[in-house]
Amino acid sequence: MAVKAGKKGRRVAAGLAAVVGVVFLAYGGICLAIGAGIDDAVTKAKLTFPGDPEEALIAMATSEDVVLKDRNRAIWALGQLGDARALAPLESLLTGKPCDHSAAVCQREVKKALRLCHGGVNITRWAWRKSVV
């Protein structure tokens, strides 16, 4: 009986280790994808707007001459970066109205970015921060 319990315990431990390994791999993949998305947004912003990455993203997010998709991507990236310089420009984008993605930037994305720029928790930032900016 003790031998069966030992084998079962090892199988459970091996299964648990496999699950933990898969979770860590998925988390790592998500971190890398987020970092790549931020890098893409920064690259696109810097093609048109001067300054450091945050300044270029702020300019892109607030420019009426940029398509909404790119403005929303810049807002998302600003939130991920969490730079306090983005607070006032992001607050200026709040309309207090429901999202209308055909006419204005995504209000939900602006609120998320503001929360992160106010010091909200970002559990992926450590993985890509130094490679992006």
N, C-alpha and C. Protein backbone atom coordinates (compact mmCIF):
# COMPACT_ATOMS: atom_id res chain seq x y z
N MET A 1 0.81 -1.19 0.00
CA MET A 1 0.00 0.00 0.00
C MET A 1 0.86 1.26 0.00
N ALA A 2 1.95 1.28 0.79
CA ALA A 2 2.83 2.43 0.85
C ALA A 2 3.51 2.68 -0.49
N VAL A 3 3.81 1.61 -1.22
CA VAL A 3 4.44 1.76 -2.52
C VAL A 3 3.48 2.42 -3.49
N LYS A 4 2.19 2.03 -3.48
CA LYS A 4 1.20 2.65 -4.35
C LYS A 4 1.03 4.13 -4.03
N ALA A 5 0.98 4.44 -2.73
CA ALA A 5 0.83 5.83 -2.32
C ALA A 5 2.03 6.66 -2.76
N GLY A 6 3.23 6.10 -2.69
CA GLY A 6 4.43 6.80 -3.12
C GLY A 6 4.42 7.08 -4.61
N LYS A 7 3.99 6.11 -5.41
CA LYS A 7 3.92 6.30 -6.87
C LYS A 7 2.87 7.34 -7.22
N LYS A 8 1.74 7.27 -6.54
CA LYS A 8 0.67 8.24 -6.79
C LYS A 8 1.14 9.65 -6.43
N GLY A 9 1.83 9.77 -5.30
CA GLY A 9 2.35 11.06 -4.88
C GLY A 9 3.33 11.64 -5.87
N ARG A 10 4.19 10.78 -6.44
CA ARG A 10 5.16 11.25 -7.44
C ARG A 10 4.44 11.68 -8.72
N ARG A 11 3.39 10.96 -9.09
CA ARG A 11 2.64 11.33 -10.30
C ARG A 11 1.94 12.68 -10.09
N VAL A 12 1.37 12.86 -8.91
CA VAL A 12 0.71 14.13 -8.60
C VAL A 12 1.73 15.26 -8.61
N ALA A 13 2.88 15.05 -8.01
CA ALA A 13 3.94 16.06 -7.98
C ALA A 13 4.42 16.38 -9.40
N ALA A 14 4.58 15.35 -10.21
CA ALA A 14 5.02 15.57 -11.60
C ALA A 14 3.97 16.34 -12.38
N GLY A 15 2.71 16.01 -12.18
CA GLY A 15 1.62 16.73 -12.85
C GLY A 15 1.56 18.18 -12.42
N LEU A 16 1.71 18.41 -11.12
CA LEU A 16 1.70 19.78 -10.60
C LEU A 16 2.89 20.57 -11.15
N ALA A 17 4.05 19.95 -11.21
CA ALA A 17 5.23 20.62 -11.76
C ALA A 17 5.01 20.97 -13.23
N ALA A 18 4.36 20.09 -13.97
CA ALA A 18 4.08 20.37 -15.39
C ALA A 18 3.13 21.55 -15.52
N VAL A 19 2.10 21.58 -14.69
CA VAL A 19 1.14 22.69 -14.74
C VAL A 19 1.83 24.01 -14.40
N VAL A 20 2.63 24.01 -13.35
CA VAL A 20 3.36 25.22 -12.96
C VAL A 20 4.30 25.66 -14.09
N GLY A 21 4.96 24.73 -14.72
CA GLY A 21 5.85 25.05 -15.84
C GLY A 21 5.10 25.68 -17.00
N VAL A 22 3.94 25.14 -17.33
CA VAL A 22 3.13 25.70 -18.42
C VAL A 22 2.67 27.11 -18.07
N VAL A 23 2.26 27.32 -16.83
CA VAL A 23 1.82 28.66 -16.40
C VAL A 23 2.97 29.66 -16.52
N PHE A 24 4.16 29.28 -16.08
CA PHE A 24 5.31 30.18 -16.19
C PHE A 24 5.68 30.46 -17.64
N LEU A 25 5.60 29.46 -18.50
CA LEU A 25 5.87 29.68 -19.92
C LEU A 25 4.85 30.63 -20.54
N ALA A 26 3.59 30.43 -20.20
CA ALA A 26 2.53 31.30 -20.72
C ALA A 26 2.74 32.74 -20.24
N TYR A 27 3.05 32.90 -18.96
CA TYR A 27 3.30 34.23 -18.40
C TYR A 27 4.48 34.89 -19.11
N GLY A 28 5.55 34.14 -19.32
CA GLY A 28 6.71 34.67 -20.03
C GLY A 28 6.36 35.09 -21.45
N GLY A 29 5.55 34.28 -22.12
CA GLY A 29 5.13 34.63 -23.47
C GLY A 29 4.29 35.89 -23.50
N ILE A 30 3.41 36.03 -22.53
CA ILE A 30 2.58 37.23 -22.44
C ILE A 30 3.44 38.46 -22.18
N CYS A 31 4.40 38.33 -21.28
CA CYS A 31 5.32 39.45 -21.00
C CYS A 31 6.06 39.88 -22.27
N LEU A 32 6.56 38.92 -23.00
CA LEU A 32 7.29 39.24 -24.24
C LEU A 32 6.37 39.88 -25.27
N ALA A 33 5.13 39.39 -25.39
CA ALA A 33 4.19 39.97 -26.35
C ALA A 33 3.84 41.40 -25.98
N ILE A 34 3.64 41.67 -24.71
CA ILE A 34 3.34 43.03 -24.26
C ILE A 34 4.52 43.95 -24.57
N GLY A 35 5.72 43.50 -24.25
CA GLY A 35 6.91 44.29 -24.54
C GLY A 35 7.04 44.59 -26.02
N ALA A 36 6.78 43.59 -26.86
CA ALA A 36 6.85 43.80 -28.31
C ALA A 36 5.79 44.78 -28.78
N GLY A 37 4.59 44.71 -28.20
CA GLY A 37 3.53 45.64 -28.56
C GLY A 37 3.87 47.07 -28.19
N ILE A 38 4.48 47.25 -27.03
CA ILE A 38 4.90 48.59 -26.61
C ILE A 38 5.99 49.10 -27.53
N ASP A 39 6.94 48.24 -27.84
CA ASP A 39 8.02 48.63 -28.74
C ASP A 39 7.47 49.05 -30.11
N ASP A 40 6.50 48.31 -30.61
CA ASP A 40 5.88 48.67 -31.90
C ASP A 40 5.19 50.03 -31.82
N ALA A 41 4.46 50.27 -30.73
CA ALA A 41 3.76 51.55 -30.57
C ALA A 41 4.76 52.70 -30.47
N VAL A 42 5.84 52.50 -29.74
CA VAL A 42 6.87 53.54 -29.61
C VAL A 42 7.52 53.81 -30.96
N THR A 43 7.86 52.76 -31.67
CA THR A 43 8.49 52.92 -32.99
C THR A 43 7.59 53.72 -33.92
N LYS A 44 6.31 53.39 -33.96
CA LYS A 44 5.37 54.11 -34.82
C LYS A 44 5.24 55.57 -34.39
N ALA A 45 5.16 55.81 -33.09
CA ALA A 45 5.03 57.19 -32.60
C ALA A 45 6.27 58.01 -32.93
N LYS A 46 7.45 57.43 -32.79
CA LYS A 46 8.69 58.16 -33.01
C LYS A 46 8.93 58.45 -34.49
N LEU A 47 8.24 57.75 -35.38
CA LEU A 47 8.34 58.07 -36.81
C LEU A 47 7.73 59.42 -37.12
N THR A 48 6.77 59.85 -36.31
CA THR A 48 6.05 61.09 -36.57
C THR A 48 6.32 62.17 -35.54
N PHE A 49 6.56 61.77 -34.30
CA PHE A 49 6.64 62.74 -33.21
C PHE A 49 8.01 62.69 -32.54
N PRO A 50 8.54 63.86 -32.17
CA PRO A 50 9.87 63.91 -31.54
C PRO A 50 9.82 63.57 -30.05
N GLY A 51 10.99 63.42 -29.48
CA GLY A 51 11.11 63.25 -28.04
C GLY A 51 11.42 61.82 -27.65
N ASP A 52 11.41 61.59 -26.34
CA ASP A 52 11.65 60.25 -25.83
C ASP A 52 10.40 59.40 -26.08
N PRO A 53 10.44 58.13 -25.80
CA PRO A 53 9.28 57.27 -26.10
C PRO A 53 7.97 57.78 -25.50
N GLU A 54 7.99 58.20 -24.25
CA GLU A 54 6.76 58.66 -23.61
C GLU A 54 6.24 59.94 -24.26
N GLU A 55 7.15 60.87 -24.59
CA GLU A 55 6.74 62.12 -25.24
C GLU A 55 6.12 61.86 -26.61
N ALA A 56 6.72 60.95 -27.37
CA ALA A 56 6.18 60.62 -28.69
C ALA A 56 4.82 59.95 -28.57
N LEU A 57 4.67 59.05 -27.59
CA LEU A 57 3.38 58.39 -27.39
C LEU A 57 2.32 59.38 -26.93
N ILE A 58 2.67 60.30 -26.05
CA ILE A 58 1.72 61.32 -25.60
C ILE A 58 1.25 62.16 -26.79
N ALA A 59 2.20 62.56 -27.63
CA ALA A 59 1.85 63.36 -28.82
C ALA A 59 0.93 62.57 -29.74
N MET A 60 1.21 61.29 -29.93
CA MET A 60 0.37 60.47 -30.80
C MET A 60 -1.03 60.30 -30.20
N ALA A 61 -1.09 60.04 -28.92
CA ALA A 61 -2.38 59.80 -28.26
C ALA A 61 -3.29 61.02 -28.31
N THR A 62 -2.71 62.20 -28.26
CA THR A 62 -3.51 63.43 -28.19
C THR A 62 -3.70 64.12 -29.53
N SER A 63 -3.06 63.62 -30.58
CA SER A 63 -3.16 64.26 -31.89
C SER A 63 -4.46 63.89 -32.60
N GLU A 64 -5.18 64.89 -33.00
CA GLU A 64 -6.41 64.67 -33.77
C GLU A 64 -6.11 64.22 -35.21
N ASP A 65 -4.85 64.35 -35.63
CA ASP A 65 -4.46 63.98 -36.98
C ASP A 65 -4.10 62.50 -37.12
N VAL A 66 -4.12 61.76 -36.02
CA VAL A 66 -3.76 60.34 -36.01
C VAL A 66 -5.04 59.52 -35.95
N VAL A 67 -5.06 58.42 -36.69
CA VAL A 67 -6.25 57.56 -36.69
C VAL A 67 -6.48 56.99 -35.28
N LEU A 68 -7.73 56.75 -34.96
CA LEU A 68 -8.10 56.31 -33.61
C LEU A 68 -7.41 55.02 -33.20
N LYS A 69 -7.23 54.11 -34.12
CA LYS A 69 -6.57 52.84 -33.78
C LYS A 69 -5.17 53.10 -33.22
N ASP A 70 -4.43 53.98 -33.88
CA ASP A 70 -3.07 54.30 -33.43
C ASP A 70 -3.07 55.11 -32.13
N ARG A 71 -4.04 55.98 -31.98
CA ARG A 71 -4.15 56.75 -30.74
C ARG A 71 -4.45 55.82 -29.56
N ASN A 72 -5.36 54.88 -29.78
CA ASN A 72 -5.69 53.92 -28.73
C ASN A 72 -4.49 53.05 -28.38
N ARG A 73 -3.72 52.67 -29.37
CA ARG A 73 -2.51 51.86 -29.12
C ARG A 73 -1.50 52.67 -28.30
N ALA A 74 -1.37 53.95 -28.61
CA ALA A 74 -0.46 54.82 -27.85
C ALA A 74 -0.94 54.97 -26.41
N ILE A 75 -2.24 55.08 -26.22
CA ILE A 75 -2.80 55.18 -24.86
C ILE A 75 -2.50 53.91 -24.08
N TRP A 76 -2.71 52.76 -24.71
CA TRP A 76 -2.41 51.48 -24.06
C TRP A 76 -0.93 51.42 -23.67
N ALA A 77 -0.05 51.80 -24.59
CA ALA A 77 1.39 51.76 -24.33
C ALA A 77 1.77 52.71 -23.19
N LEU A 78 1.16 53.89 -23.15
CA LEU A 78 1.43 54.83 -22.06
C LEU A 78 1.04 54.23 -20.72
N GLY A 79 -0.07 53.54 -20.69
CA GLY A 79 -0.48 52.89 -19.46
C GLY A 79 0.51 51.82 -19.04
N GLN A 80 0.96 51.02 -19.98
CA GLN A 80 1.93 49.98 -19.67
C GLN A 80 3.23 50.58 -19.14
N LEU A 81 3.65 51.71 -19.71
CA LEU A 81 4.87 52.35 -19.26
C LEU A 81 4.69 53.02 -17.90
N GLY A 82 3.48 53.49 -17.62
CA GLY A 82 3.18 54.03 -16.30
C GLY A 82 3.88 55.34 -15.97
N ASP A 83 4.18 56.14 -16.96
CA ASP A 83 4.90 57.39 -16.74
C ASP A 83 3.92 58.48 -16.29
N ALA A 84 4.24 59.14 -15.19
CA ALA A 84 3.36 60.18 -14.63
C ALA A 84 3.20 61.37 -15.56
N ARG A 85 4.13 61.58 -16.50
CA ARG A 85 3.99 62.69 -17.44
C ARG A 85 2.76 62.53 -18.32
N ALA A 86 2.24 61.32 -18.42
CA ALA A 86 1.07 61.07 -19.27
C ALA A 86 -0.24 61.39 -18.57
N LEU A 87 -0.21 61.66 -17.26
CA LEU A 87 -1.45 61.85 -16.51
C LEU A 87 -2.32 62.98 -17.08
N ALA A 88 -1.79 64.17 -17.19
CA ALA A 88 -2.59 65.31 -17.67
C ALA A 88 -3.09 65.09 -19.10
N PRO A 89 -2.23 64.66 -20.03
CA PRO A 89 -2.75 64.41 -21.38
C PRO A 89 -3.83 63.32 -21.42
N LEU A 90 -3.66 62.27 -20.63
CA LEU A 90 -4.68 61.22 -20.60
C LEU A 90 -5.97 61.73 -19.99
N GLU A 91 -5.87 62.52 -18.92
CA GLU A 91 -7.08 63.07 -18.31
C GLU A 91 -7.83 63.97 -19.28
N SER A 92 -7.10 64.65 -20.16
CA SER A 92 -7.76 65.51 -21.15
C SER A 92 -8.55 64.71 -22.17
N LEU A 93 -8.25 63.42 -22.29
CA LEU A 93 -8.96 62.56 -23.25
C LEU A 93 -10.24 61.96 -22.69
N LEU A 94 -10.44 62.06 -21.38
CA LEU A 94 -11.67 61.54 -20.77
C LEU A 94 -12.85 62.40 -21.19
N THR A 95 -13.89 61.75 -21.68
CA THR A 95 -15.09 62.48 -22.09
C THR A 95 -16.23 62.32 -21.09
N GLY A 96 -16.18 61.29 -20.26
CA GLY A 96 -17.28 61.01 -19.35
C GLY A 96 -18.44 60.32 -20.04
N LYS A 97 -18.27 60.01 -21.31
CA LYS A 97 -19.31 59.36 -22.09
C LYS A 97 -18.93 57.90 -22.33
N PRO A 98 -19.88 57.08 -22.73
CA PRO A 98 -19.55 55.69 -23.09
C PRO A 98 -18.63 55.67 -24.31
N CYS A 99 -17.92 54.57 -24.47
CA CYS A 99 -17.02 54.43 -25.62
C CYS A 99 -17.79 54.54 -26.93
N ASP A 100 -17.22 55.28 -27.85
CA ASP A 100 -17.71 55.34 -29.23
C ASP A 100 -16.46 55.23 -30.10
N HIS A 101 -16.06 54.01 -30.39
CA HIS A 101 -14.80 53.77 -31.06
C HIS A 101 -14.72 54.34 -32.47
N SER A 102 -15.85 54.74 -33.02
CA SER A 102 -15.81 55.32 -34.36
C SER A 102 -15.57 56.84 -34.31
N ALA A 103 -15.72 57.44 -33.11
CA ALA A 103 -15.62 58.89 -33.03
C ALA A 103 -14.60 59.41 -32.02
N ALA A 104 -14.19 58.57 -31.06
CA ALA A 104 -13.29 59.06 -30.01
C ALA A 104 -12.44 57.91 -29.50
N VAL A 105 -11.38 58.26 -28.77
CA VAL A 105 -10.52 57.22 -28.21
C VAL A 105 -11.32 56.40 -27.20
N CYS A 106 -10.86 55.19 -26.99
CA CYS A 106 -11.53 54.26 -26.09
C CYS A 106 -11.43 54.75 -24.65
N GLN A 107 -12.57 55.05 -24.06
CA GLN A 107 -12.60 55.58 -22.70
C GLN A 107 -12.14 54.53 -21.68
N ARG A 108 -12.45 53.28 -21.93
CA ARG A 108 -11.99 52.22 -21.04
C ARG A 108 -10.47 52.15 -21.03
N GLU A 109 -9.86 52.28 -22.20
CA GLU A 109 -8.39 52.23 -22.30
C GLU A 109 -7.76 53.44 -21.62
N VAL A 110 -8.39 54.60 -21.75
CA VAL A 110 -7.88 55.80 -21.08
C VAL A 110 -7.92 55.61 -19.57
N LYS A 111 -9.03 55.07 -19.06
CA LYS A 111 -9.14 54.84 -17.61
C LYS A 111 -8.12 53.84 -17.12
N LYS A 112 -7.89 52.76 -17.89
CA LYS A 112 -6.87 51.78 -17.49
C LYS A 112 -5.48 52.41 -17.49
N ALA A 113 -5.18 53.20 -18.52
CA ALA A 113 -3.87 53.86 -18.60
C ALA A 113 -3.68 54.82 -17.43
N LEU A 114 -4.72 55.56 -17.10
CA LEU A 114 -4.62 56.48 -15.96
C LEU A 114 -4.36 55.73 -14.66
N ARG A 115 -5.05 54.62 -14.46
CA ARG A 115 -4.83 53.84 -13.24
C ARG A 115 -3.38 53.38 -13.15
N LEU A 116 -2.82 52.91 -14.26
CA LEU A 116 -1.43 52.45 -14.25
C LEU A 116 -0.45 53.61 -14.08
N CYS A 117 -0.75 54.75 -14.67
CA CYS A 117 0.13 55.91 -14.51
C CYS A 117 0.06 56.49 -13.11
N HIS A 118 -1.02 56.22 -12.40
CA HIS A 118 -1.14 56.63 -11.00
C HIS A 118 -0.48 55.64 -10.07
N GLY A 119 0.23 54.66 -10.62
CA GLY A 119 0.95 53.70 -9.79
C GLY A 119 0.26 52.36 -9.63
N GLY A 120 -0.73 52.09 -10.46
CA GLY A 120 -1.42 50.80 -10.41
C GLY A 120 -0.46 49.65 -10.67
N VAL A 121 -0.83 48.48 -10.23
CA VAL A 121 0.02 47.30 -10.34
C VAL A 121 0.08 46.81 -11.79
N ASN A 122 1.28 46.59 -12.26
CA ASN A 122 1.51 46.03 -13.59
C ASN A 122 2.47 44.85 -13.40
N ILE A 123 1.93 43.64 -13.43
CA ILE A 123 2.74 42.46 -13.09
C ILE A 123 3.66 41.99 -14.22
N THR A 124 3.63 42.66 -15.35
CA THR A 124 4.52 42.26 -16.45
C THR A 124 5.65 43.24 -16.70
N ARG A 125 5.55 44.43 -16.12
CA ARG A 125 6.50 45.51 -16.43
C ARG A 125 7.95 45.10 -16.21
N TRP A 126 8.25 44.38 -15.18
CA TRP A 126 9.63 44.02 -14.85
C TRP A 126 10.29 43.25 -16.00
N ALA A 127 9.50 42.51 -16.77
CA ALA A 127 10.07 41.62 -17.78
C ALA A 127 10.52 42.35 -19.04
N TRP A 128 9.90 43.46 -19.38
CA TRP A 128 10.22 44.11 -20.64
C TRP A 128 10.70 45.55 -20.48
N ARG A 129 10.59 46.13 -19.32
CA ARG A 129 10.86 47.56 -19.12
C ARG A 129 12.21 48.01 -19.66
N LYS A 130 13.27 47.33 -19.35
CA LYS A 130 14.61 47.78 -19.78
C LYS A 130 14.83 47.60 -21.27
N SER A 131 14.13 46.67 -21.89
CA SER A 131 14.34 46.43 -23.32
C SER A 131 13.50 47.36 -24.19
N VAL A 132 12.49 48.00 -23.62
CA VAL A 132 11.60 48.85 -24.41
C VAL A 132 12.05 50.29 -24.41
N VAL A 133 12.39 50.82 -23.24
CA VAL A 133 12.76 52.24 -23.17
C VAL A 133 14.16 52.41 -22.64
